[in-house]
């Protein structure tokens, strides 16, 4: 798979590093390195692989498990970024 680092930010906690597992138009699934308070998460950012587009979004956690997997929903994301994401996802879909 693709190795994409994701930076998660909370209100109380410092930046937390994570790996992108899955990406969709509406959110991401990540695996977190270390402890995290899911209810505190407010923001996620990562670079779209193969592009110079940085995806930055206000987020909320939809679910998490004990293995460090976290499902994250995009709450607010800039229009141009949303468009880049749509195009990128379409390309991935056709590439496979």
PDB file of N, CA and C in Angstrom:
ATOM      1  N   UNK A   1       0.826  -1.212   0.000  1.00  0.00           N
ATOM      2  CA  UNK A   1       0.000   0.000   0.000  1.00  0.00           C
ATOM      3  C   UNK A   1       0.852   1.251   0.000  1.00  0.00           C
ATOM      4  N   UNK A   2       0.209   2.378  -0.050  1.00  0.00           N
ATOM      5  CA  UNK A   2       0.934   3.647  -0.040  1.00  0.00           C
ATOM      6  C   UNK A   2       1.192   4.090   1.385  1.00  0.00           C
ATOM      7  N   UNK A   3       2.394   4.558   1.620  1.00  0.00           N
ATOM      8  CA  UNK A   3       2.754   5.064   2.947  1.00  0.00           C
ATOM      9  C   UNK A   3       2.495   6.565   2.981  1.00  0.00           C
ATOM     10  N   UNK A   4       1.426   6.954   3.621  1.00  0.00           N
ATOM     11  CA  UNK A   4       1.112   8.379   3.707  1.00  0.00           C
ATOM     12  C   UNK A   4       0.995   8.779   5.173  1.00  0.00           C
ATOM     13  N   UNK A   5       1.902   9.645   5.630  1.00  0.00           N
ATOM     14  CA  UNK A   5       1.813  10.103   7.009  1.00  0.00           C
ATOM     15  C   UNK A   5       0.694  11.128   7.169  1.00  0.00           C
ATOM     16  N   UNK A   6      -0.035  11.006   8.261  1.00  0.00           N
ATOM     17  CA  UNK A   6      -1.121  11.919   8.567  1.00  0.00           C
ATOM     18  C   UNK A   6      -0.813  12.586   9.904  1.00  0.00           C
ATOM     19  N   UNK A   7      -1.022  13.895   9.979  1.00  0.00           N
ATOM     20  CA  UNK A   7      -0.857  14.605  11.232  1.00  0.00           C
ATOM     21  C   UNK A   7      -2.229  14.905  11.819  1.00  0.00           C
ATOM     22  N   UNK A   8      -2.437  14.463  13.042  1.00  0.00           N
ATOM     23  CA  UNK A   8      -3.698  14.719  13.735  1.00  0.00           C
ATOM     24  C   UNK A   8      -3.457  15.750  14.822  1.00  0.00           C
ATOM     25  N   UNK A   9      -4.365  16.693  14.960  1.00  0.00           N
ATOM     26  CA  UNK A   9      -4.242  17.707  16.003  1.00  0.00           C
ATOM     27  C   UNK A   9      -5.495  17.706  16.863  1.00  0.00           C
ATOM     28  N   UNK A  10      -5.276  17.880  18.158  1.00  0.00           N
ATOM     29  CA  UNK A  10      -6.400  18.004  19.078  1.00  0.00           C
ATOM     30  C   UNK A  10      -6.379  19.362  19.739  1.00  0.00           C
ATOM     31  N   UNK A  11      -7.358  19.601  20.560  1.00  0.00           N
ATOM     32  CA  UNK A  11      -7.354  20.858  21.305  1.00  0.00           C
ATOM     33  C   UNK A  11      -6.332  20.785  22.419  1.00  0.00           C
ATOM     34  N   UNK A  12      -6.323  19.654  23.145  1.00  0.00           N
ATOM     35  CA  UNK A  12      -5.446  19.515  24.308  1.00  0.00           C
ATOM     36  C   UNK A  12      -4.117  18.849  23.952  1.00  0.00           C
ATOM     37  N   UNK A  13      -4.171  17.869  23.046  1.00  0.00           N
ATOM     38  CA  UNK A  13      -2.960  17.085  22.801  1.00  0.00           C
ATOM     39  C   UNK A  13      -2.096  17.689  21.708  1.00  0.00           C
ATOM     40  N   UNK A  14      -0.827  17.369  21.781  1.00  0.00           N
ATOM     41  CA  UNK A  14       0.101  17.785  20.742  1.00  0.00           C
ATOM     42  C   UNK A  14      -0.219  17.009  19.469  1.00  0.00           C
ATOM     43  N   UNK A  15       0.479  17.375  18.397  1.00  0.00           N
ATOM     44  CA  UNK A  15       0.310  16.645  17.146  1.00  0.00           C
ATOM     45  C   UNK A  15       0.577  15.159  17.342  1.00  0.00           C
ATOM     46  N   UNK A  16      -0.271  14.353  16.734  1.00  0.00           N
ATOM     47  CA  UNK A  16      -0.110  12.906  16.802  1.00  0.00           C
ATOM     48  C   UNK A  16       0.110  12.397  15.386  1.00  0.00           C
ATOM     49  N   UNK A  17       1.123  11.548  15.218  1.00  0.00           N
ATOM     50  CA  UNK A  17       1.404  10.981  13.902  1.00  0.00           C
ATOM     51  C   UNK A  17       0.542   9.759  13.653  1.00  0.00           C
ATOM     52  N   UNK A  18       0.159   9.565  12.387  1.00  0.00           N
ATOM     53  CA  UNK A  18      -0.643   8.405  12.020  1.00  0.00           C
ATOM     54  C   UNK A  18      -0.298   8.005  10.586  1.00  0.00           C
ATOM     55  N   UNK A  19      -0.711   6.807  10.201  1.00  0.00           N
ATOM     56  CA  UNK A  19      -0.532   6.344   8.825  1.00  0.00           C
ATOM     57  C   UNK A  19      -1.896   6.228   8.164  1.00  0.00           C
ATOM     58  N   UNK A  20      -1.979   6.689   6.932  1.00  0.00           N
ATOM     59  CA  UNK A  20      -3.218   6.593   6.173  1.00  0.00           C
ATOM     60  C   UNK A  20      -3.471   5.140   5.772  1.00  0.00           C
ATOM     61  N   UNK A  21      -4.637   4.629   6.105  1.00  0.00           N
ATOM     62  CA  UNK A  21      -4.997   3.261   5.722  1.00  0.00           C
ATOM     63  C   UNK A  21      -5.970   3.303   4.549  1.00  0.00           C
ATOM     64  N   UNK A  22      -6.929   4.205   4.647  1.00  0.00           N
ATOM     65  CA  UNK A  22      -7.994   4.265   3.670  1.00  0.00           C
ATOM     66  C   UNK A  22      -8.458   5.702   3.522  1.00  0.00           C
ATOM     67  N   UNK A  23      -8.797   6.081   2.300  1.00  0.00           N
ATOM     68  CA  UNK A  23      -9.202   7.458   2.038  1.00  0.00           C
ATOM     69  C   UNK A  23     -10.452   7.460   1.183  1.00  0.00           C
ATOM     70  N   UNK A  24     -11.426   8.272   1.557  1.00  0.00           N
ATOM     71  CA  UNK A  24     -12.622   8.443   0.742  1.00  0.00           C
ATOM     72  C   UNK A  24     -12.974   9.920   0.693  1.00  0.00           C
ATOM     73  N   UNK A  25     -14.012  10.236  -0.057  1.00  0.00           N
ATOM     74  CA  UNK A  25     -14.447  11.623  -0.199  1.00  0.00           C
ATOM     75  C   UNK A  25     -14.868  12.201   1.156  1.00  0.00           C
ATOM     76  N   UNK A  26     -15.384  11.335   2.017  1.00  0.00           N
ATOM     77  CA  UNK A  26     -15.967  11.818   3.263  1.00  0.00           C
ATOM     78  C   UNK A  26     -15.080  11.704   4.495  1.00  0.00           C
ATOM     79  N   UNK A  27     -13.921  11.036   4.343  1.00  0.00           N
ATOM     80  CA  UNK A  27     -13.081  10.875   5.515  1.00  0.00           C
ATOM     81  C   UNK A  27     -11.909   9.938   5.288  1.00  0.00           C
ATOM     82  N   UNK A  28     -11.211   9.624   6.380  1.00  0.00           N
ATOM     83  CA  UNK A  28     -10.052   8.744   6.300  1.00  0.00           C
ATOM     84  C   UNK A  28     -10.078   7.717   7.418  1.00  0.00           C
ATOM     85  N   UNK A  29      -9.422   6.605   7.152  1.00  0.00           N
ATOM     86  CA  UNK A  29      -9.119   5.664   8.219  1.00  0.00           C
ATOM     87  C   UNK A  29      -7.616   5.704   8.413  1.00  0.00           C
ATOM     88  N   UNK A  30      -7.184   5.841   9.666  1.00  0.00           N
ATOM     89  CA  UNK A  30      -5.753   5.894   9.946  1.00  0.00           C
ATOM     90  C   UNK A  30      -5.384   4.910  11.042  1.00  0.00           C
ATOM     91  N   UNK A  31      -4.087   4.598  11.095  1.00  0.00           N
ATOM     92  CA  UNK A  31      -3.556   3.853  12.236  1.00  0.00           C
ATOM     93  C   UNK A  31      -2.646   4.792  12.998  1.00  0.00           C
ATOM     94  N   UNK A  32      -2.943   4.951  14.277  1.00  0.00           N
ATOM     95  CA  UNK A  32      -2.238   5.935  15.094  1.00  0.00           C
ATOM     96  C   UNK A  32      -1.032   5.301  15.778  1.00  0.00           C
ATOM     97  N   UNK A  33       0.098   6.035  15.762  1.00  0.00           N
ATOM     98  CA  UNK A  33       1.287   5.588  16.491  1.00  0.00           C
ATOM     99  C   UNK A  33       1.181   6.107  17.921  1.00  0.00           C
ATOM    100  N   UNK A  34       0.774   5.260  18.843  1.00  0.00           N
ATOM    101  CA  UNK A  34       0.744   5.692  20.236  1.00  0.00           C
ATOM    102  C   UNK A  34      -0.642   6.075  20.714  1.00  0.00           C
ATOM    103  N   UNK A  35      -0.684   6.639  21.911  1.00  0.00           N
ATOM    104  CA  UNK A  35      -1.954   6.922  22.569  1.00  0.00           C
ATOM    105  C   UNK A  35      -2.621   8.157  21.988  1.00  0.00           C
ATOM    106  N   UNK A  36      -3.935   8.117  22.009  1.00  0.00           N
ATOM    107  CA  UNK A  36      -4.687   9.227  21.438  1.00  0.00           C
ATOM    108  C   UNK A  36      -6.028   9.322  22.162  1.00  0.00           C
ATOM    109  N   UNK A  37      -6.511  10.535  22.295  1.00  0.00           N
ATOM    110  CA  UNK A  37      -7.846  10.735  22.849  1.00  0.00           C
ATOM    111  C   UNK A  37      -8.764  11.112  21.689  1.00  0.00           C
ATOM    112  N   UNK A  38      -9.506  10.129  21.169  1.00  0.00           N
ATOM    113  CA  UNK A  38     -10.294  10.366  19.955  1.00  0.00           C
ATOM    114  C   UNK A  38     -11.273  11.529  20.091  1.00  0.00           C
ATOM    115  N   UNK A  39     -11.839  11.701  21.269  1.00  0.00           N
ATOM    116  CA  UNK A  39     -12.842  12.751  21.453  1.00  0.00           C
ATOM    117  C   UNK A  39     -12.231  14.151  21.356  1.00  0.00           C
ATOM    118  N   UNK A  40     -10.911  14.217  21.462  1.00  0.00           N
ATOM    119  CA  UNK A  40     -10.214  15.511  21.447  1.00  0.00           C
ATOM    120  C   UNK A  40      -9.813  15.949  20.032  1.00  0.00           C
ATOM    121  N   UNK A  41      -9.818  15.019  19.088  1.00  0.00           N
ATOM    122  CA  UNK A  41      -9.340  15.319  17.736  1.00  0.00           C
ATOM    123  C   UNK A  41     -10.169  16.384  17.049  1.00  0.00           C
ATOM    124  N   UNK A  42      -9.477  17.334  16.415  1.00  0.00           N
ATOM    125  CA  UNK A  42     -10.180  18.429  15.755  1.00  0.00           C
ATOM    126  C   UNK A  42      -9.741  18.633  14.304  1.00  0.00           C
ATOM    127  N   UNK A  43      -8.526  18.198  13.983  1.00  0.00           N
ATOM    128  CA  UNK A  43      -7.961  18.547  12.680  1.00  0.00           C
ATOM    129  C   UNK A  43      -7.057  17.422  12.166  1.00  0.00           C
ATOM    130  N   UNK A  44      -7.111  17.174  10.874  1.00  0.00           N
ATOM    131  CA  UNK A  44      -6.226  16.196  10.252  1.00  0.00           C
ATOM    132  C   UNK A  44      -5.618  16.815   9.004  1.00  0.00           C
ATOM    133  N   UNK A  45      -4.363  16.503   8.729  1.00  0.00           N
ATOM    134  CA  UNK A  45      -3.735  16.978   7.498  1.00  0.00           C
ATOM    135  C   UNK A  45      -2.775  15.935   6.935  1.00  0.00           C
ATOM    136  N   UNK A  46      -2.721  15.881   5.614  1.00  0.00           N
ATOM    137  CA  UNK A  46      -1.804  14.960   4.923  1.00  0.00           C
ATOM    138  C   UNK A  46      -1.674  15.409   3.476  1.00  0.00           C
ATOM    139  N   UNK A  47      -0.599  14.949   2.833  1.00  0.00           N
ATOM    140  CA  UNK A  47      -0.401  15.269   1.419  1.00  0.00           C
ATOM    141  C   UNK A  47      -1.017  14.176   0.564  1.00  0.00           C
ATOM    142  N   UNK A  48      -1.722  14.579  -0.476  1.00  0.00           N
ATOM    143  CA  UNK A  48      -2.238  13.601  -1.433  1.00  0.00           C
ATOM    144  C   UNK A  48      -1.058  13.015  -2.195  1.00  0.00           C
ATOM    145  N   UNK A  49      -0.883  11.701  -2.163  1.00  0.00           N
ATOM    146  CA  UNK A  49       0.261  11.066  -2.828  1.00  0.00           C
ATOM    147  C   UNK A  49       0.333  11.439  -4.307  1.00  0.00           C
ATOM    148  N   UNK A  50       1.531  11.779  -4.765  1.00  0.00           N
ATOM    149  CA  UNK A  50       1.736  12.078  -6.177  1.00  0.00           C
ATOM    150  C   UNK A  50       1.267  13.464  -6.578  1.00  0.00           C
ATOM    151  N   UNK A  51       0.845  14.272  -5.619  1.00  0.00           N
ATOM    152  CA  UNK A  51       0.417  15.640  -5.931  1.00  0.00           C
ATOM    153  C   UNK A  51       1.091  16.600  -4.956  1.00  0.00           C
ATOM    154  N   UNK A  52       0.937  17.895  -5.198  1.00  0.00           N
ATOM    155  CA  UNK A  52       1.456  18.848  -4.215  1.00  0.00           C
ATOM    156  C   UNK A  52       0.286  19.453  -3.432  1.00  0.00           C
ATOM    157  N   UNK A  53      -0.805  18.725  -3.400  1.00  0.00           N
ATOM    158  CA  UNK A  53      -1.992  19.190  -2.687  1.00  0.00           C
ATOM    159  C   UNK A  53      -1.978  18.685  -1.246  1.00  0.00           C
ATOM    160  N   UNK A  54      -2.093  19.621  -0.315  1.00  0.00           N
ATOM    161  CA  UNK A  54      -2.211  19.221   1.078  1.00  0.00           C
ATOM    162  C   UNK A  54      -3.678  19.222   1.468  1.00  0.00           C
ATOM    163  N   UNK A  55      -4.134  18.093   1.970  1.00  0.00           N
ATOM    164  CA  UNK A  55      -5.498  18.001   2.463  1.00  0.00           C
ATOM    165  C   UNK A  55      -5.497  18.383   3.938  1.00  0.00           C
ATOM    166  N   UNK A  56      -6.285  19.386   4.265  1.00  0.00           N
ATOM    167  CA  UNK A  56      -6.423  19.822   5.658  1.00  0.00           C
ATOM    168  C   UNK A  56      -7.906  19.888   5.947  1.00  0.00           C
ATOM    169  N   UNK A  57      -8.334  19.276   7.018  1.00  0.00           N
ATOM    170  CA  UNK A  57      -9.766  19.272   7.299  1.00  0.00           C
ATOM    171  C   UNK A  57     -10.048  19.339   8.789  1.00  0.00           C
ATOM    172  N   UNK A  58     -11.154  19.980   9.127  1.00  0.00           N
ATOM    173  CA  UNK A  58     -11.700  19.847  10.471  1.00  0.00           C
ATOM    174  C   UNK A  58     -12.383  18.489  10.513  1.00  0.00           C
ATOM    175  N   UNK A  59     -12.128  17.745  11.565  1.00  0.00           N
ATOM    176  CA  UNK A  59     -12.604  16.361  11.593  1.00  0.00           C
ATOM    177  C   UNK A  59     -13.293  16.010  12.903  1.00  0.00           C
ATOM    178  N   UNK A  60     -14.017  14.907  12.859  1.00  0.00           N
ATOM    179  CA  UNK A  60     -14.493  14.273  14.090  1.00  0.00           C
ATOM    180  C   UNK A  60     -14.265  12.775  13.949  1.00  0.00           C
ATOM    181  N   UNK A  61     -14.065  12.119  15.076  1.00  0.00           N
ATOM    182  CA  UNK A  61     -13.807  10.686  15.055  1.00  0.00           C
ATOM    183  C   UNK A  61     -15.136   9.932  15.011  1.00  0.00           C
ATOM    184  N   UNK A  62     -15.275   9.051  14.025  1.00  0.00           N
ATOM    185  CA  UNK A  62     -16.487   8.251  13.872  1.00  0.00           C
ATOM    186  C   UNK A  62     -16.393   6.991  14.725  1.00  0.00           C
ATOM    187  N   UNK A  63     -15.215   6.382  14.745  1.00  0.00           N
ATOM    188  CA  UNK A  63     -15.000   5.164  15.533  1.00  0.00           C
ATOM    189  C   UNK A  63     -13.510   4.961  15.770  1.00  0.00           C
ATOM    190  N   UNK A  64     -13.186   4.155  16.754  1.00  0.00           N
ATOM    191  CA  UNK A  64     -11.793   3.767  16.982  1.00  0.00           C
ATOM    192  C   UNK A  64     -11.766   2.412  17.662  1.00  0.00           C
ATOM    193  N   UNK A  65     -10.661   1.679  17.502  1.00  0.00           N
ATOM    194  CA  UNK A  65     -10.549   0.379  18.174  1.00  0.00           C
ATOM    195  C   UNK A  65      -9.268   0.317  18.996  1.00  0.00           C
ATOM    196  N   UNK A  66      -9.057  -0.808  19.654  1.00  0.00           N
ATOM    197  CA  UNK A  66      -7.918  -0.928  20.575  1.00  0.00           C
ATOM    198  C   UNK A  66      -6.590  -1.110  19.858  1.00  0.00           C
ATOM    199  N   UNK A  67      -6.641  -1.399  18.551  1.00  0.00           N
ATOM    200  CA  UNK A  67      -5.401  -1.604  17.791  1.00  0.00           C
ATOM    201  C   UNK A  67      -4.832  -0.308  17.239  1.00  0.00           C
ATOM    202  N   UNK A  68      -5.480   0.826  17.538  1.00  0.00           N
ATOM    203  CA  UNK A  68      -4.975   2.099  17.049  1.00  0.00           C
ATOM    204  C   UNK A  68      -5.568   2.529  15.726  1.00  0.00           C
ATOM    205  N   UNK A  69      -6.585   1.784  15.251  1.00  0.00           N
ATOM    206  CA  UNK A  69      -7.285   2.199  14.038  1.00  0.00           C
ATOM    207  C   UNK A  69      -8.350   3.228  14.394  1.00  0.00           C
ATOM    208  N   UNK A  70      -8.398   4.297  13.607  1.00  0.00           N
ATOM    209  CA  UNK A  70      -9.357   5.365  13.875  1.00  0.00           C
ATOM    210  C   UNK A  70     -10.057   5.765  12.582  1.00  0.00           C
ATOM    211  N   UNK A  71     -11.365   5.790  12.619  1.00  0.00           N
ATOM    212  CA  UNK A  71     -12.155   6.257  11.484  1.00  0.00           C
ATOM    213  C   UNK A  71     -12.497   7.720  11.692  1.00  0.00           C
ATOM    214  N   UNK A  72     -12.132   8.546  10.733  1.00  0.00           N
ATOM    215  CA  UNK A  72     -12.244   9.993  10.884  1.00  0.00           C
ATOM    216  C   UNK A  72     -13.137  10.571   9.786  1.00  0.00           C
ATOM    217  N   UNK A  73     -14.091  11.373  10.201  1.00  0.00           N
ATOM    218  CA  UNK A  73     -15.020  12.000   9.257  1.00  0.00           C
ATOM    219  C   UNK A  73     -14.596  13.447   9.022  1.00  0.00           C
ATOM    220  N   UNK A  74     -14.565  13.863   7.738  1.00  0.00           N
ATOM    221  CA  UNK A  74     -14.299  15.263   7.432  1.00  0.00           C
ATOM    222  C   UNK A  74     -15.532  16.090   7.771  1.00  0.00           C
ATOM    223  N   UNK A  75     -15.365  17.097   8.603  1.00  0.00           N
ATOM    224  CA  UNK A  75     -16.472  17.971   8.965  1.00  0.00           C
ATOM    225  C   UNK A  75     -16.462  19.216   8.086  1.00  0.00           C
ATOM    226  N   UNK A  76     -15.252  19.789   7.933  1.00  0.00           N
ATOM    227  CA  UNK A  76     -15.115  20.989   7.107  1.00  0.00           C
ATOM    228  C   UNK A  76     -13.841  20.884   6.298  1.00  0.00           C
ATOM    229  N   UNK A  77     -13.987  21.055   5.003  1.00  0.00           N
ATOM    230  CA  UNK A  77     -12.833  20.919   4.117  1.00  0.00           C
ATOM    231  C   UNK A  77     -12.991  21.949   2.994  1.00  0.00           C
ATOM    232  N   UNK A  78     -11.903  22.618   2.645  1.00  0.00           N
ATOM    233  CA  UNK A  78     -11.983  23.691   1.653  1.00  0.00           C
ATOM    234  C   UNK A  78     -12.413  23.146   0.289  1.00  0.00           C
ATOM    235  N   UNK A  79     -13.188  23.939  -0.426  1.00  0.00           N
ATOM    236  CA  UNK A  79     -13.733  23.536  -1.734  1.00  0.00           C
ATOM    237  C   UNK A  79     -12.659  23.046  -2.711  1.00  0.00           C
ATOM    238  N   UNK A  80     -11.552  23.798  -2.910  1.00  0.00           N
ATOM    239  CA  UNK A  80     -10.525  23.343  -3.855  1.00  0.00           C
ATOM    240  C   UNK A  80      -9.924  22.001  -3.442  1.00  0.00           C
ATOM    241  N   UNK A  81      -9.764  21.816  -2.148  1.00  0.00           N
ATOM    242  CA  UNK A  81      -9.199  20.564  -1.634  1.00  0.00           C
ATOM    243  C   UNK A  81     -10.168  19.412  -1.894  1.00  0.00           C
ATOM    244  N   UNK A  82     -11.433  19.681  -1.651  1.00  0.00           N
ATOM    245  CA  UNK A  82     -12.481  18.693  -1.924  1.00  0.00           C
ATOM    246  C   UNK A  82     -12.442  18.252  -3.393  1.00  0.00           C
ATOM    247  N   UNK A  83     -12.270  19.228  -4.281  1.00  0.00           N
ATOM    248  CA  UNK A  83     -12.194  18.925  -5.714  1.00  0.00           C
ATOM    249  C   UNK A  83     -10.962  18.091  -6.051  1.00  0.00           C
ATOM    250  N   UNK A  84      -9.807  18.481  -5.499  1.00  0.00           N
ATOM    251  CA  UNK A  84      -8.574  17.713  -5.720  1.00  0.00           C
ATOM    252  C   UNK A  84      -8.732  16.280  -5.245  1.00  0.00           C
ATOM    253  N   UNK A  85      -9.400  16.147  -4.108  1.00  0.00           N
ATOM    254  CA  UNK A  85      -9.626  14.830  -3.522  1.00  0.00           C
ATOM    255  C   UNK A  85     -10.496  13.976  -4.439  1.00  0.00           C
ATOM    256  N   UNK A  86     -11.541  14.602  -4.972  1.00  0.00           N
ATOM    257  CA  UNK A  86     -12.467  13.890  -5.870  1.00  0.00           C
ATOM    258  C   UNK A  86     -11.723  13.381  -7.099  1.00  0.00           C
ATOM    259  N   UNK A  87     -10.909  14.268  -7.696  1.00  0.00           N
ATOM    260  CA  UNK A  87     -10.144  13.907  -8.890  1.00  0.00           C
ATOM    261  C   UNK A  87      -9.151  12.793  -8.578  1.00  0.00           C
ATOM    262  N   UNK A  88      -8.455  12.936  -7.445  1.00  0.00           N
ATOM    263  CA  UNK A  88      -7.449  11.947  -7.053  1.00  0.00           C
ATOM    264  C   UNK A  88      -8.080  10.573  -6.845  1.00  0.00           C
ATOM    265  N   UNK A  89      -9.220  10.553  -6.162  1.00  0.00           N
ATOM    266  CA  UNK A  89      -9.911   9.291  -5.896  1.00  0.00           C
ATOM    267  C   UNK A  89     -10.373   8.631  -7.194  1.00  0.00           C
ATOM    268  N   UNK A  90     -10.852   9.437  -8.128  1.00  0.00           N
ATOM    269  CA  UNK A  90     -11.281   8.912  -9.417  1.00  0.00           C
ATOM    270  C   UNK A  90     -10.110   8.287 -10.165  1.00  0.00           C
ATOM    271  N   UNK A  91      -8.941   8.947 -10.101  1.00  0.00           N
ATOM    272  CA  UNK A  91      -7.746   8.431 -10.769  1.00  0.00           C
ATOM    273  C   UNK A  91      -7.303   7.111 -10.144  1.00  0.00           C
ATOM    274  N   UNK A  92      -7.357   7.025  -8.815  1.00  0.00           N
ATOM    275  CA  UNK A  92      -6.972   5.796  -8.136  1.00  0.00           C
ATOM    276  C   UNK A  92      -7.886   4.668  -8.553  1.00  0.00           C
ATOM    277  N   UNK A  93      -9.158   5.003  -8.637  1.00  0.00           N
ATOM    278  CA  UNK A  93     -10.172   4.011  -8.982  1.00  0.00           C
ATOM    279  C   UNK A  93      -9.901   3.436 -10.366  1.00  0.00           C
ATOM    280  N   UNK A  94      -9.587   4.313 -11.315  1.00  0.00           N
ATOM    281  CA  UNK A  94      -9.349   3.859 -12.679  1.00  0.00           C
ATOM    282  C   UNK A  94      -7.971   3.229 -12.834  1.00  0.00           C
ATOM    283  N   UNK A  95      -7.057   3.596 -11.953  1.00  0.00           N
ATOM    284  CA  UNK A  95      -5.694   3.063 -12.041  1.00  0.00           C
ATOM    285  C   UNK A  95      -5.646   1.600 -11.619  1.00  0.00           C
ATOM    286  N   UNK A  96      -6.606   1.201 -10.753  1.00  0.00           N
ATOM    287  CA  UNK A  96      -6.560  -0.174 -10.236  1.00  0.00           C
ATOM    288  C   UNK A  96      -7.301  -1.142 -11.145  1.00  0.00           C
TER     289      UNK A  96
END
